[in-house]
Amino acid sequence: MAAAAAGIVLRSGAASAQTVIKTYPYTTEGARACEIDLKLAPAGYYCTTISNPKRYALAH
């Protein structure tokens, strides 16, 4: 996983319990963009991955 190589930690959440706020491309740049937005998000938000299509997502 390219994001892991970049040192970005992403958590997986249960699909049924999360609300996706914004999605990003499934690339190192997409993971970084999610982490940047996460720093500005309220408490309880996190970056995760979603499927179909595979993308990074800011969720809560």
PDB file of N, CA and C in Angstrom:
ATOM      1  N   MET A   1       0.847  -1.177   0.000  1.00  0.00           N
ATOM      2  CA  MET A   1       0.000   0.000   0.000  1.00  0.00           C
ATOM      3  C   MET A   1       0.890   1.237   0.000  1.00  0.00           C
ATOM      4  N   ALA A   2       0.718   2.097  -0.938  1.00  0.00           N
ATOM      5  CA  ALA A   2       1.548   3.293  -1.076  1.00  0.00           C
ATOM      6  C   ALA A   2       1.416   4.219   0.115  1.00  0.00           C
ATOM      7  N   ALA A   3       0.215   4.317   0.673  1.00  0.00           N
ATOM      8  CA  ALA A   3       0.015   5.220   1.809  1.00  0.00           C
ATOM      9  C   ALA A   3       0.806   4.766   3.023  1.00  0.00           C
ATOM     10  N   ALA A   4       0.890   3.454   3.224  1.00  0.00           N
ATOM     11  CA  ALA A   4       1.664   2.944   4.353  1.00  0.00           C
ATOM     12  C   ALA A   4       3.136   3.283   4.177  1.00  0.00           C
ATOM     13  N   ALA A   5       3.611   3.216   2.969  1.00  0.00           N
ATOM     14  CA  ALA A   5       5.002   3.554   2.696  1.00  0.00           C
ATOM     15  C   ALA A   5       5.266   5.032   2.960  1.00  0.00           C
ATOM     16  N   ALA A   6       4.262   5.855   2.818  1.00  0.00           N
ATOM     17  CA  ALA A   6       4.408   7.290   3.056  1.00  0.00           C
ATOM     18  C   ALA A   6       4.279   7.626   4.532  1.00  0.00           C
ATOM     19  N   GLY A   7       3.996   6.633   5.375  1.00  0.00           N
ATOM     20  CA  GLY A   7       3.890   6.866   6.800  1.00  0.00           C
ATOM     21  C   GLY A   7       2.557   7.420   7.245  1.00  0.00           C
ATOM     22  N   ILE A   8       1.537   7.280   6.443  1.00  0.00           N
ATOM     23  CA  ILE A   8       0.209   7.779   6.783  1.00  0.00           C
ATOM     24  C   ILE A   8      -0.597   6.633   7.381  1.00  0.00           C
ATOM     25  N   VAL A   9      -1.150   6.852   8.536  1.00  0.00           N
ATOM     26  CA  VAL A   9      -1.928   5.817   9.211  1.00  0.00           C
ATOM     27  C   VAL A   9      -3.403   6.064   8.947  1.00  0.00           C
ATOM     28  N   LEU A  10      -4.064   5.055   8.423  1.00  0.00           N
ATOM     29  CA  LEU A  10      -5.498   5.143   8.146  1.00  0.00           C
ATOM     30  C   LEU A  10      -6.215   4.057   8.931  1.00  0.00           C
ATOM     31  N   ARG A  11      -7.377   4.389   9.456  1.00  0.00           N
ATOM     32  CA  ARG A  11      -8.159   3.416  10.198  1.00  0.00           C
ATOM     33  C   ARG A  11      -9.314   2.935   9.342  1.00  0.00           C
ATOM     34  N   SER A  12      -9.723   1.705   9.580  1.00  0.00           N
ATOM     35  CA  SER A  12     -10.905   1.173   8.921  1.00  0.00           C
ATOM     36  C   SER A  12     -12.067   1.224   9.897  1.00  0.00           C
ATOM     37  N   GLY A  13     -13.193   1.687   9.435  1.00  0.00           N
ATOM     38  CA  GLY A  13     -14.386   1.714  10.263  1.00  0.00           C
ATOM     39  C   GLY A  13     -15.410   0.739   9.719  1.00  0.00           C
ATOM     40  N   ALA A  14     -16.373   0.393  10.537  1.00  0.00           N
ATOM     41  CA  ALA A  14     -17.446  -0.491  10.087  1.00  0.00           C
ATOM     42  C   ALA A  14     -18.310   0.265   9.086  1.00  0.00           C
ATOM     43  N   ALA A  15     -18.534  -0.333   7.932  1.00  0.00           N
ATOM     44  CA  ALA A  15     -19.264   0.344   6.861  1.00  0.00           C
ATOM     45  C   ALA A  15     -20.664   0.764   7.298  1.00  0.00           C
ATOM     46  N   SER A  16     -21.311  -0.036   8.125  1.00  0.00           N
ATOM     47  CA  SER A  16     -22.677   0.278   8.527  1.00  0.00           C
ATOM     48  C   SER A  16     -22.740   1.398   9.566  1.00  0.00           C
ATOM     49  N   ALA A  17     -21.615   1.703  10.216  1.00  0.00           N
ATOM     50  CA  ALA A  17     -21.632   2.683  11.299  1.00  0.00           C
ATOM     51  C   ALA A  17     -20.978   4.006  10.916  1.00  0.00           C
ATOM     52  N   GLN A  18     -20.597   4.178   9.691  1.00  0.00           N
ATOM     53  CA  GLN A  18     -19.895   5.399   9.313  1.00  0.00           C
ATOM     54  C   GLN A  18     -20.700   6.230   8.324  1.00  0.00           C
ATOM     55  N   THR A  19     -20.464   7.526   8.382  1.00  0.00           N
ATOM     56  CA  THR A  19     -21.026   8.450   7.407  1.00  0.00           C
ATOM     57  C   THR A  19     -19.865   9.051   6.640  1.00  0.00           C
ATOM     58  N   VAL A  20     -19.823   8.826   5.344  1.00  0.00           N
ATOM     59  CA  VAL A  20     -18.739   9.344   4.503  1.00  0.00           C
ATOM     60  C   VAL A  20     -19.025  10.806   4.198  1.00  0.00           C
ATOM     61  N   ILE A  21     -18.057  11.658   4.496  1.00  0.00           N
ATOM     62  CA  ILE A  21     -18.184  13.089   4.277  1.00  0.00           C
ATOM     63  C   ILE A  21     -17.595  13.488   2.932  1.00  0.00           C
ATOM     64  N   LYS A  22     -16.433  12.920   2.606  1.00  0.00           N
ATOM     65  CA  LYS A  22     -15.735  13.284   1.370  1.00  0.00           C
ATOM     66  C   LYS A  22     -14.869  12.111   0.950  1.00  0.00           C
ATOM     67  N   THR A  23     -14.730  11.884  -0.368  1.00  0.00           N
ATOM     68  CA  THR A  23     -13.863  10.813  -0.852  1.00  0.00           C
ATOM     69  C   THR A  23     -12.685  11.390  -1.621  1.00  0.00           C
ATOM     70  N   TYR A  24     -11.647  10.570  -1.718  1.00  0.00           N
ATOM     71  CA  TYR A  24     -10.384  10.956  -2.359  1.00  0.00           C
ATOM     72  C   TYR A  24      -9.902   9.787  -3.207  1.00  0.00           C
ATOM     73  N   PRO A  25      -9.082  10.059  -4.212  1.00  0.00           N
ATOM     74  CA  PRO A  25      -8.538   8.966  -5.031  1.00  0.00           C
ATOM     75  C   PRO A  25      -7.740   7.984  -4.170  1.00  0.00           C
ATOM     76  N   TYR A  26      -7.707   6.740  -4.584  1.00  0.00           N
ATOM     77  CA  TYR A  26      -6.950   5.709  -3.855  1.00  0.00           C
ATOM     78  C   TYR A  26      -5.486   5.763  -4.293  1.00  0.00           C
ATOM     79  N   THR A  27      -4.842   6.851  -3.928  1.00  0.00           N
ATOM     80  CA  THR A  27      -3.435   7.099  -4.243  1.00  0.00           C
ATOM     81  C   THR A  27      -2.770   7.681  -3.000  1.00  0.00           C
ATOM     82  N   THR A  28      -1.455   7.787  -3.018  1.00  0.00           N
ATOM     83  CA  THR A  28      -0.739   8.421  -1.915  1.00  0.00           C
ATOM     84  C   THR A  28      -1.211   9.857  -1.736  1.00  0.00           C
ATOM     85  N   GLU A  29      -1.440  10.556  -2.842  1.00  0.00           N
ATOM     86  CA  GLU A  29      -1.918  11.938  -2.771  1.00  0.00           C
ATOM     87  C   GLU A  29      -3.318  12.006  -2.156  1.00  0.00           C
ATOM     88  N   GLY A  30      -4.162  11.054  -2.493  1.00  0.00           N
ATOM     89  CA  GLY A  30      -5.502  11.012  -1.917  1.00  0.00           C
ATOM     90  C   GLY A  30      -5.455  10.782  -0.413  1.00  0.00           C
ATOM     91  N   ALA A  31      -4.577   9.891   0.025  1.00  0.00           N
ATOM     92  CA  ALA A  31      -4.423   9.626   1.458  1.00  0.00           C
ATOM     93  C   ALA A  31      -3.926  10.872   2.183  1.00  0.00           C
ATOM     94  N   ARG A  32      -2.970  11.557   1.588  1.00  0.00           N
ATOM     95  CA  ARG A  32      -2.451  12.788   2.201  1.00  0.00           C
ATOM     96  C   ARG A  32      -3.529  13.858   2.288  1.00  0.00           C
ATOM     97  N   ALA A  33      -4.333  14.002   1.232  1.00  0.00           N
ATOM     98  CA  ALA A  33      -5.407  14.999   1.230  1.00  0.00           C
ATOM     99  C   ALA A  33      -6.421  14.694   2.334  1.00  0.00           C
ATOM    100  N   CYS A  34      -6.728  13.425   2.531  1.00  0.00           N
ATOM    101  CA  CYS A  34      -7.655  13.047   3.593  1.00  0.00           C
ATOM    102  C   CYS A  34      -7.070  13.415   4.951  1.00  0.00           C
ATOM    103  N   GLU A  35      -5.802  13.130   5.157  1.00  0.00           N
ATOM    104  CA  GLU A  35      -5.153  13.449   6.434  1.00  0.00           C
ATOM    105  C   GLU A  35      -5.113  14.963   6.681  1.00  0.00           C
ATOM    106  N   ILE A  36      -4.901  15.741   5.643  1.00  0.00           N
ATOM    107  CA  ILE A  36      -4.906  17.208   5.786  1.00  0.00           C
ATOM    108  C   ILE A  36      -6.295  17.681   6.189  1.00  0.00           C
ATOM    109  N   ASP A  37      -7.328  17.181   5.512  1.00  0.00           N
ATOM    110  CA  ASP A  37      -8.695  17.566   5.869  1.00  0.00           C
ATOM    111  C   ASP A  37      -9.055  17.088   7.272  1.00  0.00           C
ATOM    112  N   LEU A  38      -8.521  15.939   7.670  1.00  0.00           N
ATOM    113  CA  LEU A  38      -8.790  15.404   9.004  1.00  0.00           C
ATOM    114  C   LEU A  38      -8.301  16.359  10.090  1.00  0.00           C
ATOM    115  N   LYS A  39      -7.179  17.008   9.853  1.00  0.00           N
ATOM    116  CA  LYS A  39      -6.639  17.951  10.839  1.00  0.00           C
ATOM    117  C   LYS A  39      -7.580  19.128  11.073  1.00  0.00           C
ATOM    118  N   LEU A  40      -8.394  19.457  10.079  1.00  0.00           N
ATOM    119  CA  LEU A  40      -9.339  20.567  10.184  1.00  0.00           C
ATOM    120  C   LEU A  40     -10.737  20.121  10.619  1.00  0.00           C
ATOM    121  N   ALA A  41     -10.959  18.819  10.675  1.00  0.00           N
ATOM    122  CA  ALA A  41     -12.287  18.278  10.986  1.00  0.00           C
ATOM    123  C   ALA A  41     -12.528  18.246  12.493  1.00  0.00           C
ATOM    124  N   PRO A  42     -13.796  18.243  12.893  1.00  0.00           N
ATOM    125  CA  PRO A  42     -14.119  18.121  14.322  1.00  0.00           C
ATOM    126  C   PRO A  42     -13.690  16.760  14.882  1.00  0.00           C
ATOM    127  N   ALA A  43     -13.661  16.662  16.202  1.00  0.00           N
ATOM    128  CA  ALA A  43     -13.337  15.396  16.869  1.00  0.00           C
ATOM    129  C   ALA A  43     -14.304  14.303  16.411  1.00  0.00           C
ATOM    130  N   GLY A  44     -13.825  13.097  16.325  1.00  0.00           N
ATOM    131  CA  GLY A  44     -14.664  11.972  15.933  1.00  0.00           C
ATOM    132  C   GLY A  44     -14.602  11.629  14.453  1.00  0.00           C
ATOM    133  N   TYR A  45     -13.921  12.442  13.658  1.00  0.00           N
ATOM    134  CA  TYR A  45     -13.751  12.148  12.238  1.00  0.00           C
ATOM    135  C   TYR A  45     -12.488  11.319  12.048  1.00  0.00           C
ATOM    136  N   TYR A  46     -12.408  10.558  10.967  1.00  0.00           N
ATOM    137  CA  TYR A  46     -11.249   9.727  10.690  1.00  0.00           C
ATOM    138  C   TYR A  46     -11.153   9.458   9.197  1.00  0.00           C
ATOM    139  N   CYS A  47      -9.958   9.063   8.761  1.00  0.00           N
ATOM    140  CA  CYS A  47      -9.754   8.645   7.379  1.00  0.00           C
ATOM    141  C   CYS A  47      -9.851   7.128   7.328  1.00  0.00           C
ATOM    142  N   THR A  48     -10.469   6.627   6.284  1.00  0.00           N
ATOM    143  CA  THR A  48     -10.661   5.198   6.126  1.00  0.00           C
ATOM    144  C   THR A  48     -10.628   4.873   4.637  1.00  0.00           C
ATOM    145  N   THR A  49     -10.860   3.630   4.290  1.00  0.00           N
ATOM    146  CA  THR A  49     -11.000   3.255   2.885  1.00  0.00           C
ATOM    147  C   THR A  49     -12.410   2.720   2.663  1.00  0.00           C
ATOM    148  N   ILE A  50     -12.915   2.943   1.468  1.00  0.00           N
ATOM    149  CA  ILE A  50     -14.199   2.387   1.069  1.00  0.00           C
ATOM    150  C   ILE A  50     -13.976   1.610  -0.223  1.00  0.00           C
ATOM    151  N   SER A  51     -14.932   0.796  -0.580  1.00  0.00           N
ATOM    152  CA  SER A  51     -14.774   0.009  -1.803  1.00  0.00           C
ATOM    153  C   SER A  51     -15.899   0.292  -2.778  1.00  0.00           C
ATOM    154  N   ASN A  52     -15.679  -0.127  -3.998  1.00  0.00           N
ATOM    155  CA  ASN A  52     -16.658  -0.048  -5.081  1.00  0.00           C
ATOM    156  C   ASN A  52     -17.050   1.384  -5.432  1.00  0.00           C
ATOM    157  N   PRO A  53     -16.175   2.178  -5.956  1.00  0.00           N
ATOM    158  CA  PRO A  53     -14.762   1.898  -6.238  1.00  0.00           C
ATOM    159  C   PRO A  53     -13.901   2.140  -5.005  1.00  0.00           C
ATOM    160  N   LYS A  54     -12.713   1.547  -4.989  1.00  0.00           N
ATOM    161  CA  LYS A  54     -11.778   1.690  -3.867  1.00  0.00           C
ATOM    162  C   LYS A  54     -11.304   3.132  -3.801  1.00  0.00           C
ATOM    163  N   ARG A  55     -11.559   3.787  -2.640  1.00  0.00           N
ATOM    164  CA  ARG A  55     -11.172   5.193  -2.451  1.00  0.00           C
ATOM    165  C   ARG A  55     -10.876   5.416  -0.979  1.00  0.00           C
ATOM    166  N   TYR A  56     -10.157   6.474  -0.675  1.00  0.00           N
ATOM    167  CA  TYR A  56     -10.014   6.939   0.690  1.00  0.00           C
ATOM    168  C   TYR A  56     -11.220   7.811   0.996  1.00  0.00           C
ATOM    169  N   ALA A  57     -11.581   7.887   2.286  1.00  0.00           N
ATOM    170  CA  ALA A  57     -12.740   8.682   2.655  1.00  0.00           C
ATOM    171  C   ALA A  57     -12.542   9.319   4.020  1.00  0.00           C
ATOM    172  N   LEU A  58     -13.045  10.537   4.157  1.00  0.00           N
ATOM    173  CA  LEU A  58     -13.152  11.197   5.448  1.00  0.00           C
ATOM    174  C   LEU A  58     -14.534  10.860   5.962  1.00  0.00           C
ATOM    175  N   ALA A  59     -14.589  10.305   7.148  1.00  0.00           N
ATOM    176  CA  ALA A  59     -15.870   9.812   7.672  1.00  0.00           C
ATOM    177  C   ALA A  59     -16.002  10.128   9.159  1.00  0.00           C
ATOM    178  N   HIS A  60     -17.218   9.919   9.658  1.00  0.00           N
ATOM    179  CA  HIS A  60     -17.468   9.971  11.110  1.00  0.00           C
ATOM    180  C   HIS A  60     -18.595   9.042  11.453  1.00  0.00           C
TER     181      HIS A  60
END
